[in-house]
Amino acid sequence: QVWVGAKQHELQVNSMQLLYYQAPMSCGMLLC
């Protein structure tokens, strides 16, 4: 939660735009 807040401010994105990239990356990590 701390990192999300910092990243949203740093990258100027909202939660859905961030999750759009997080979800597939997290999915690939777990798959391995």
PDB file of all heavy atoms in Angstrom:
ATOM      1  N   GLN A   1       0.824  -1.212   0.000  1.00  0.00           N
ATOM      2  CA  GLN A   1       0.000   0.000   0.000  1.00  0.00           C
ATOM      3  C   GLN A   1       0.854   1.257   0.000  1.00  0.00           C
ATOM      4  O   GLN A   1       0.519   2.253  -0.656  1.00  0.00           O
ATOM      5  CB  GLN A   1      -0.954  -0.023   1.196  1.00  0.00           C
ATOM      6  CG  GLN A   1      -2.036  -1.076   1.068  1.00  0.00           C
ATOM      7  CD  GLN A   1      -3.101  -0.982   2.145  1.00  0.00           C
ATOM      8  OE1 GLN A   1      -3.171   0.000   2.877  1.00  0.00           O
ATOM      9  NE2 GLN A   1      -3.930  -1.999   2.260  1.00  0.00           N
ATOM     10  N   VAL A   2       1.957   1.233   0.736  1.00  0.00           N
ATOM     11  CA  VAL A   2       2.872   2.385   0.746  1.00  0.00           C
ATOM     12  C   VAL A   2       3.476   2.576  -0.636  1.00  0.00           C
ATOM     13  O   VAL A   2       3.535   3.701  -1.167  1.00  0.00           O
ATOM     14  CB  VAL A   2       3.986   2.191   1.800  1.00  0.00           C
ATOM     15  CG1 VAL A   2       5.070   3.258   1.638  1.00  0.00           C
ATOM     16  CG2 VAL A   2       3.401   2.248   3.215  1.00  0.00           C
ATOM     17  N   TRP A   3       3.922   1.481  -1.263  1.00  0.00           N
ATOM     18  CA  TRP A   3       4.546   1.560  -2.587  1.00  0.00           C
ATOM     19  C   TRP A   3       3.550   1.966  -3.663  1.00  0.00           C
ATOM     20  O   TRP A   3       3.899   2.708  -4.585  1.00  0.00           O
ATOM     21  CB  TRP A   3       5.195   0.220  -2.949  1.00  0.00           C
ATOM     22  CG  TRP A   3       6.435  -0.066  -2.166  1.00  0.00           C
ATOM     23  CD1 TRP A   3       7.181   0.830  -1.458  1.00  0.00           C
ATOM     24  CD2 TRP A   3       7.075  -1.334  -2.013  1.00  0.00           C
ATOM     25  NE1 TRP A   3       8.247   0.202  -0.856  1.00  0.00           N
ATOM     26  CE2 TRP A   3       8.217  -1.130  -1.178  1.00  0.00           C
ATOM     27  CE3 TRP A   3       6.821  -2.626  -2.466  1.00  0.00           C
ATOM     28  CZ2 TRP A   3       9.069  -2.161  -0.819  1.00  0.00           C
ATOM     29  CZ3 TRP A   3       7.675  -3.653  -2.111  1.00  0.00           C
ATOM     30  CH2 TRP A   3       8.786  -3.422  -1.301  1.00  0.00           C
ATOM     31  N   VAL A   4       2.310   1.472  -3.566  1.00  0.00           N
ATOM     32  CA  VAL A   4       1.294   1.836  -4.557  1.00  0.00           C
ATOM     33  C   VAL A   4       1.056   3.338  -4.543  1.00  0.00           C
ATOM     34  O   VAL A   4       1.000   3.989  -5.591  1.00  0.00           O
ATOM     35  CB  VAL A   4      -0.028   1.071  -4.297  1.00  0.00           C
ATOM     36  CG1 VAL A   4      -1.190   1.761  -5.001  1.00  0.00           C
ATOM     37  CG2 VAL A   4       0.068  -0.352  -4.811  1.00  0.00           C
ATOM     38  N   GLY A   5       0.910   3.889  -3.336  1.00  0.00           N
ATOM     39  CA  GLY A   5       0.703   5.328  -3.223  1.00  0.00           C
ATOM     40  C   GLY A   5       1.854   6.111  -3.835  1.00  0.00           C
ATOM     41  O   GLY A   5       1.650   7.086  -4.570  1.00  0.00           O
ATOM     42  N   ALA A   6       3.086   5.671  -3.554  1.00  0.00           N
ATOM     43  CA  ALA A   6       4.269   6.351  -4.085  1.00  0.00           C
ATOM     44  C   ALA A   6       4.353   6.211  -5.606  1.00  0.00           C
ATOM     45  O   ALA A   6       4.667   7.171  -6.318  1.00  0.00           O
ATOM     46  CB  ALA A   6       5.523   5.787  -3.431  1.00  0.00           C
ATOM     47  N   LYS A   7       4.066   5.003  -6.115  1.00  0.00           N
ATOM     48  CA  LYS A   7       4.161   4.750  -7.556  1.00  0.00           C
ATOM     49  C   LYS A   7       3.082   5.502  -8.334  1.00  0.00           C
ATOM     50  O   LYS A   7       3.343   6.003  -9.440  1.00  0.00           O
ATOM     51  CB  LYS A   7       4.048   3.247  -7.832  1.00  0.00           C
ATOM     52  CG  LYS A   7       5.343   2.480  -7.638  1.00  0.00           C
ATOM     53  CD  LYS A   7       6.389   2.864  -8.667  1.00  0.00           C
ATOM     54  CE  LYS A   7       7.674   2.101  -8.506  1.00  0.00           C
ATOM     55  NZ  LYS A   7       8.724   2.545  -9.454  1.00  0.00           N
ATOM     56  N   GLN A   8       1.872   5.556  -7.793  1.00  0.00           N
ATOM     57  CA  GLN A   8       0.802   6.280  -8.475  1.00  0.00           C
ATOM     58  C   GLN A   8       1.179   7.755  -8.622  1.00  0.00           C
ATOM     59  O   GLN A   8       0.927   8.367  -9.664  1.00  0.00           O
ATOM     60  CB  GLN A   8      -0.511   6.140  -7.711  1.00  0.00           C
ATOM     61  CG  GLN A   8      -1.212   4.804  -7.950  1.00  0.00           C
ATOM     62  CD  GLN A   8      -2.587   4.771  -7.294  1.00  0.00           C
ATOM     63  OE1 GLN A   8      -2.769   4.243  -6.221  1.00  0.00           O
ATOM     64  NE2 GLN A   8      -3.552   5.343  -7.966  1.00  0.00           N
ATOM     65  N   HIS A   9       1.772   8.308  -7.579  1.00  0.00           N
ATOM     66  CA  HIS A   9       2.192   9.704  -7.625  1.00  0.00           C
ATOM     67  C   HIS A   9       3.368   9.889  -8.585  1.00  0.00           C
ATOM     68  O   HIS A   9       3.394  10.834  -9.382  1.00  0.00           O
ATOM     69  CB  HIS A   9       2.586  10.170  -6.217  1.00  0.00           C
ATOM     70  CG  HIS A   9       3.025  11.601  -6.160  1.00  0.00           C
ATOM     71  ND1 HIS A   9       2.144  12.662  -6.282  1.00  0.00           N
ATOM     72  CD2 HIS A   9       4.264  12.154  -6.010  1.00  0.00           C
ATOM     73  CE1 HIS A   9       2.814  13.801  -6.216  1.00  0.00           C
ATOM     74  NE2 HIS A   9       4.100  13.520  -6.048  1.00  0.00           N
ATOM     75  N   GLU A  10       4.327   8.958  -8.523  1.00  0.00           N
ATOM     76  CA  GLU A  10       5.522   9.047  -9.362  1.00  0.00           C
ATOM     77  C   GLU A  10       5.204   8.886 -10.840  1.00  0.00           C
ATOM     78  O   GLU A  10       5.704   9.629 -11.690  1.00  0.00           O
ATOM     79  CB  GLU A  10       6.525   7.974  -8.927  1.00  0.00           C
ATOM     80  CG  GLU A  10       7.779   7.874  -9.773  1.00  0.00           C
ATOM     81  CD  GLU A  10       8.575   6.606  -9.509  1.00  0.00           C
ATOM     82  OE1 GLU A  10       8.465   6.050  -8.393  1.00  0.00           O
ATOM     83  OE2 GLU A  10       9.302   6.170 -10.417  1.00  0.00           O
ATOM     84  N   LEU A  11       4.360   7.891 -11.169  1.00  0.00           N
ATOM     85  CA  LEU A  11       4.074   7.575 -12.566  1.00  0.00           C
ATOM     86  C   LEU A  11       2.840   8.284 -13.104  1.00  0.00           C
ATOM     87  O   LEU A  11       2.522   8.174 -14.291  1.00  0.00           O
ATOM     88  CB  LEU A  11       3.895   6.057 -12.725  1.00  0.00           C
ATOM     89  CG  LEU A  11       5.073   5.188 -12.276  1.00  0.00           C
ATOM     90  CD1 LEU A  11       4.699   3.709 -12.331  1.00  0.00           C
ATOM     91  CD2 LEU A  11       6.299   5.452 -13.145  1.00  0.00           C
ATOM     92  N   GLN A  12       2.103   8.980 -12.213  1.00  0.00           N
ATOM     93  CA  GLN A  12       0.879   9.686 -12.605  1.00  0.00           C
ATOM     94  C   GLN A  12      -0.138   8.745 -13.257  1.00  0.00           C
ATOM     95  O   GLN A  12      -0.605   8.970 -14.383  1.00  0.00           O
ATOM     96  CB  GLN A  12       1.225  10.844 -13.558  1.00  0.00           C
ATOM     97  CG  GLN A  12       2.027  11.968 -12.911  1.00  0.00           C
ATOM     98  CD  GLN A  12       1.285  12.651 -11.778  1.00  0.00           C
ATOM     99  OE1 GLN A  12       0.223  13.233 -11.986  1.00  0.00           O
ATOM    100  NE2 GLN A  12       1.819  12.547 -10.560  1.00  0.00           N
ATOM    101  N   VAL A  13      -0.435   7.657 -12.535  1.00  0.00           N
ATOM    102  CA  VAL A  13      -1.425   6.682 -13.013  1.00  0.00           C
ATOM    103  C   VAL A  13      -2.446   6.430 -11.911  1.00  0.00           C
ATOM    104  O   VAL A  13      -2.172   6.670 -10.733  1.00  0.00           O
ATOM    105  CB  VAL A  13      -0.763   5.337 -13.412  1.00  0.00           C
ATOM    106  CG1 VAL A  13       0.106   5.502 -14.638  1.00  0.00           C
ATOM    107  CG2 VAL A  13       0.049   4.754 -12.256  1.00  0.00           C
ATOM    108  N   ASN A  14      -3.626   5.932 -12.299  1.00  0.00           N
ATOM    109  CA  ASN A  14      -4.610   5.550 -11.284  1.00  0.00           C
ATOM    110  C   ASN A  14      -4.469   4.064 -10.967  1.00  0.00           C
ATOM    111  O   ASN A  14      -3.654   3.363 -11.570  1.00  0.00           O
ATOM    112  CB  ASN A  14      -6.044   5.901 -11.735  1.00  0.00           C
ATOM    113  CG  ASN A  14      -6.443   5.177 -13.020  1.00  0.00           C
ATOM    114  OD1 ASN A  14      -6.122   4.006 -13.228  1.00  0.00           O
ATOM    115  ND2 ASN A  14      -7.154   5.880 -13.893  1.00  0.00           N
ATOM    116  N   SER A  15      -5.286   3.580 -10.025  1.00  0.00           N
ATOM    117  CA  SER A  15      -5.135   2.206  -9.557  1.00  0.00           C
ATOM    118  C   SER A  15      -5.378   1.174 -10.648  1.00  0.00           C
ATOM    119  O   SER A  15      -4.694   0.148 -10.714  1.00  0.00           O
ATOM    120  CB  SER A  15      -6.086   1.944  -8.378  1.00  0.00           C
ATOM    121  OG  SER A  15      -7.428   2.221  -8.749  1.00  0.00           O
ATOM    122  N   MET A  16      -6.346   1.434 -11.540  1.00  0.00           N
ATOM    123  CA  MET A  16      -6.640   0.460 -12.590  1.00  0.00           C
ATOM    124  C   MET A  16      -5.537   0.409 -13.639  1.00  0.00           C
ATOM    125  O   MET A  16      -5.210  -0.653 -14.160  1.00  0.00           O
ATOM    126  CB  MET A  16      -7.993   0.772 -13.245  1.00  0.00           C
ATOM    127  CG  MET A  16      -9.178   0.445 -12.368  1.00  0.00           C
ATOM    128  SD  MET A  16     -10.756   0.563 -13.235  1.00  0.00           S
ATOM    129  CE  MET A  16     -10.802  -0.995 -14.081  1.00  0.00           C
ATOM    130  N   GLN A  17      -4.966   1.560 -13.966  1.00  0.00           N
ATOM    131  CA  GLN A  17      -3.853   1.583 -14.921  1.00  0.00           C
ATOM    132  C   GLN A  17      -2.648   0.826 -14.372  1.00  0.00           C
ATOM    133  O   GLN A  17      -1.939   0.149 -15.109  1.00  0.00           O
ATOM    134  CB  GLN A  17      -3.468   3.035 -15.220  1.00  0.00           C
ATOM    135  CG  GLN A  17      -4.490   3.789 -16.047  1.00  0.00           C
ATOM    136  CD  GLN A  17      -4.174   5.269 -16.155  1.00  0.00           C
ATOM    137  OE1 GLN A  17      -3.671   5.882 -15.215  1.00  0.00           O
ATOM    138  NE2 GLN A  17      -4.477   5.859 -17.305  1.00  0.00           N
ATOM    139  N   LEU A  18      -2.438   0.936 -13.063  1.00  0.00           N
ATOM    140  CA  LEU A  18      -1.329   0.231 -12.424  1.00  0.00           C
ATOM    141  C   LEU A  18      -1.616  -1.267 -12.358  1.00  0.00           C
ATOM    142  O   LEU A  18      -0.753  -2.101 -12.664  1.00  0.00           O
ATOM    143  CB  LEU A  18      -1.124   0.797 -11.018  1.00  0.00           C
ATOM    144  CG  LEU A  18       0.274   0.721 -10.404  1.00  0.00           C
ATOM    145  CD1 LEU A  18       1.340   1.241 -11.358  1.00  0.00           C
ATOM    146  CD2 LEU A  18       0.302   1.489  -9.086  1.00  0.00           C
ATOM    147  N   LEU A  19      -2.845  -1.613 -11.979  1.00  0.00           N
ATOM    148  CA  LEU A  19      -3.225  -3.023 -11.864  1.00  0.00           C
ATOM    149  C   LEU A  19      -3.204  -3.724 -13.220  1.00  0.00           C
ATOM    150  O   LEU A  19      -2.947  -4.927 -13.306  1.00  0.00           O
ATOM    151  CB  LEU A  19      -4.625  -3.128 -11.237  1.00  0.00           C
ATOM    152  CG  LEU A  19      -5.094  -4.513 -10.773  1.00  0.00           C
ATOM    153  CD1 LEU A  19      -4.142  -5.096  -9.735  1.00  0.00           C
ATOM    154  CD2 LEU A  19      -6.501  -4.432 -10.205  1.00  0.00           C
ATOM    155  N   TYR A  20      -3.448  -2.959 -14.289  1.00  0.00           N
ATOM    156  CA  TYR A  20      -3.439  -3.508 -15.644  1.00  0.00           C
ATOM    157  C   TYR A  20      -2.074  -4.113 -15.979  1.00  0.00           C
ATOM    158  O   TYR A  20      -1.980  -5.089 -16.733  1.00  0.00           O
ATOM    159  CB  TYR A  20      -3.800  -2.400 -16.636  1.00  0.00           C
ATOM    160  CG  TYR A  20      -3.908  -2.839 -18.078  1.00  0.00           C
ATOM    161  CD1 TYR A  20      -4.956  -3.660 -18.486  1.00  0.00           C
ATOM    162  CD2 TYR A  20      -2.986  -2.421 -19.028  1.00  0.00           C
ATOM    163  CE1 TYR A  20      -5.071  -4.060 -19.810  1.00  0.00           C
ATOM    164  CE2 TYR A  20      -3.096  -2.814 -20.352  1.00  0.00           C
ATOM    165  CZ  TYR A  20      -4.138  -3.630 -20.739  1.00  0.00           C
ATOM    166  OH  TYR A  20      -4.253  -4.034 -22.041  1.00  0.00           O
ATOM    167  N   TYR A  21      -1.010  -3.539 -15.429  1.00  0.00           N
ATOM    168  CA  TYR A  21       0.339  -4.078 -15.636  1.00  0.00           C
ATOM    169  C   TYR A  21       0.724  -5.074 -14.543  1.00  0.00           C
ATOM    170  O   TYR A  21       1.437  -6.045 -14.796  1.00  0.00           O
ATOM    171  CB  TYR A  21       1.361  -2.936 -15.676  1.00  0.00           C
ATOM    172  CG  TYR A  21       1.367  -2.200 -16.990  1.00  0.00           C
ATOM    173  CD1 TYR A  21       0.527  -1.124 -17.210  1.00  0.00           C
ATOM    174  CD2 TYR A  21       2.199  -2.604 -18.036  1.00  0.00           C
ATOM    175  CE1 TYR A  21       0.513  -0.454 -18.427  1.00  0.00           C
ATOM    176  CE2 TYR A  21       2.203  -1.942 -19.254  1.00  0.00           C
ATOM    177  CZ  TYR A  21       1.354  -0.866 -19.442  1.00  0.00           C
ATOM    178  OH  TYR A  21       1.342  -0.217 -20.653  1.00  0.00           O
ATOM    179  N   GLN A  22       0.276  -4.810 -13.306  1.00  0.00           N
ATOM    180  CA  GLN A  22       0.619  -5.693 -12.192  1.00  0.00           C
ATOM    181  C   GLN A  22       0.066  -7.099 -12.361  1.00  0.00           C
ATOM    182  O   GLN A  22       0.769  -8.085 -12.121  1.00  0.00           O
ATOM    183  CB  GLN A  22       0.044  -5.144 -10.881  1.00  0.00           C
ATOM    184  CG  GLN A  22       0.822  -4.034 -10.244  1.00  0.00           C
ATOM    185  CD  GLN A  22       0.080  -3.518  -9.035  1.00  0.00           C
ATOM    186  OE1 GLN A  22      -0.158  -2.336  -8.908  1.00  0.00           O
ATOM    187  NE2 GLN A  22      -0.297  -4.404  -8.162  1.00  0.00           N
ATOM    188  N   ALA A  23      -1.217  -7.186 -12.728  1.00  0.00           N
ATOM    189  CA  ALA A  23      -1.910  -8.474 -12.757  1.00  0.00           C
ATOM    190  C   ALA A  23      -1.210  -9.506 -13.646  1.00  0.00           C
ATOM    191  O   ALA A  23      -0.938 -10.627 -13.196  1.00  0.00           O
ATOM    192  CB  ALA A  23      -3.369  -8.286 -13.169  1.00  0.00           C
ATOM    193  N   PRO A  24      -0.888  -9.181 -14.917  1.00  0.00           N
ATOM    194  CA  PRO A  24      -0.217 -10.194 -15.745  1.00  0.00           C
ATOM    195  C   PRO A  24       1.190 -10.540 -15.250  1.00  0.00           C
ATOM    196  O   PRO A  24       1.612 -11.696 -15.332  1.00  0.00           O
ATOM    197  CB  PRO A  24      -0.169  -9.555 -17.143  1.00  0.00           C
ATOM    198  CG  PRO A  24      -0.364  -8.103 -16.926  1.00  0.00           C
ATOM    199  CD  PRO A  24      -1.215  -7.979 -15.710  1.00  0.00           C
ATOM    200  N   MET A  25       1.913  -9.537 -14.718  1.00  0.00           N
ATOM    201  CA  MET A  25       3.253  -9.818 -14.202  1.00  0.00           C
ATOM    202  C   MET A  25       3.184 -10.727 -12.984  1.00  0.00           C
ATOM    203  O   MET A  25       3.948 -11.691 -12.857  1.00  0.00           O
ATOM    204  CB  MET A  25       3.968  -8.509 -13.831  1.00  0.00           C
ATOM    205  CG  MET A  25       4.402  -7.693 -15.029  1.00  0.00           C
ATOM    206  SD  MET A  25       5.281  -6.178 -14.574  1.00  0.00           S
ATOM    207  CE  MET A  25       6.810  -6.869 -13.943  1.00  0.00           C
ATOM    208  N   SER A  26       2.245 -10.447 -12.079  1.00  0.00           N
ATOM    209  CA  SER A  26       2.066 -11.273 -10.887  1.00  0.00           C
ATOM    210  C   SER A  26       1.614 -12.681 -11.272  1.00  0.00           C
ATOM    211  O   SER A  26       2.040 -13.672 -10.670  1.00  0.00           O
ATOM    212  CB  SER A  26       1.039 -10.638  -9.945  1.00  0.00           C
ATOM    213  OG  SER A  26       1.478  -9.373  -9.497  1.00  0.00           O
ATOM    214  N   CYS A  27       0.758 -12.764 -12.285  1.00  0.00           N
ATOM    215  CA  CYS A  27       0.279 -14.055 -12.781  1.00  0.00           C
ATOM    216  C   CYS A  27       1.446 -14.888 -13.308  1.00  0.00           C
ATOM    217  O   CYS A  27       1.569 -16.079 -13.005  1.00  0.00           O
ATOM    218  CB  CYS A  27      -0.752 -13.811 -13.886  1.00  0.00           C
ATOM    219  SG  CYS A  27      -1.650 -15.291 -14.399  1.00  0.00           S
ATOM    220  N   GLY A  28       2.329 -14.268 -14.091  1.00  0.00           N
ATOM    221  CA  GLY A  28       3.503 -14.963 -14.631  1.00  0.00           C
ATOM    222  C   GLY A  28       4.447 -15.430 -13.532  1.00  0.00           C
ATOM    223  O   GLY A  28       4.993 -16.537 -13.594  1.00  0.00           O
ATOM    224  N   MET A  29       4.644 -14.589 -12.514  1.00  0.00           N
ATOM    225  CA  MET A  29       5.514 -14.965 -11.388  1.00  0.00           C
ATOM    226  C   MET A  29       4.970 -16.177 -10.652  1.00  0.00           C
ATOM    227  O   MET A  29       5.702 -17.132 -10.350  1.00  0.00           O
ATOM    228  CB  MET A  29       5.640 -13.791 -10.411  1.00  0.00           C
ATOM    229  CG  MET A  29       6.435 -12.620 -10.945  1.00  0.00           C
ATOM    230  SD  MET A  29       6.357 -11.213  -9.807  1.00  0.00           S
ATOM    231  CE  MET A  29       7.172  -9.959 -10.780  1.00  0.00           C
ATOM    232  N   LEU A  30       3.670 -16.141 -10.349  1.00  0.00           N
ATOM    233  CA  LEU A  30       3.066 -17.267  -9.630  1.00  0.00           C
ATOM    234  C   LEU A  30       3.083 -18.541 -10.467  1.00  0.00           C
ATOM    235  O   LEU A  30       3.261 -19.639  -9.941  1.00  0.00           O
ATOM    236  CB  LEU A  30       1.620 -16.935  -9.234  1.00  0.00           C
ATOM    237  CG  LEU A  30       1.405 -16.232  -7.900  1.00  0.00           C
ATOM    238  CD1 LEU A  30      -0.082 -16.168  -7.586  1.00  0.00           C
ATOM    239  CD2 LEU A  30       2.127 -16.941  -6.764  1.00  0.00           C
ATOM    240  N   LEU A  31       2.903 -18.390 -11.770  1.00  0.00           N
ATOM    241  CA  LEU A  31       2.908 -19.549 -12.662  1.00  0.00           C
ATOM    242  C   LEU A  31       4.245 -20.279 -12.596  1.00  0.00           C
ATOM    243  O   LEU A  31       4.306 -21.509 -12.699  1.00  0.00           O
ATOM    244  CB  LEU A  31       2.624 -19.085 -14.096  1.00  0.00           C
ATOM    245  CG  LEU A  31       2.215 -20.159 -15.116  1.00  0.00           C
ATOM    246  CD1 LEU A  31       0.953 -20.870 -14.672  1.00  0.00           C
ATOM    247  CD2 LEU A  31       1.994 -19.511 -16.483  1.00  0.00           C
ATOM    248  N   CYS A  32       5.327 -19.522 -12.404  1.00  0.00           N
ATOM    249  CA  CYS A  32       6.662 -20.124 -12.298  1.00  0.00           C
ATOM    250  C   CYS A  32       6.899 -20.745 -10.921  1.00  0.00           C
ATOM    251  O   CYS A  32       7.666 -21.708 -10.785  1.00  0.00           O
ATOM    252  CB  CYS A  32       7.740 -19.068 -12.560  1.00  0.00           C
ATOM    253  SG  CYS A  32       7.709 -18.390 -14.233  1.00  0.00           S
TER     254      CYS A  32
END
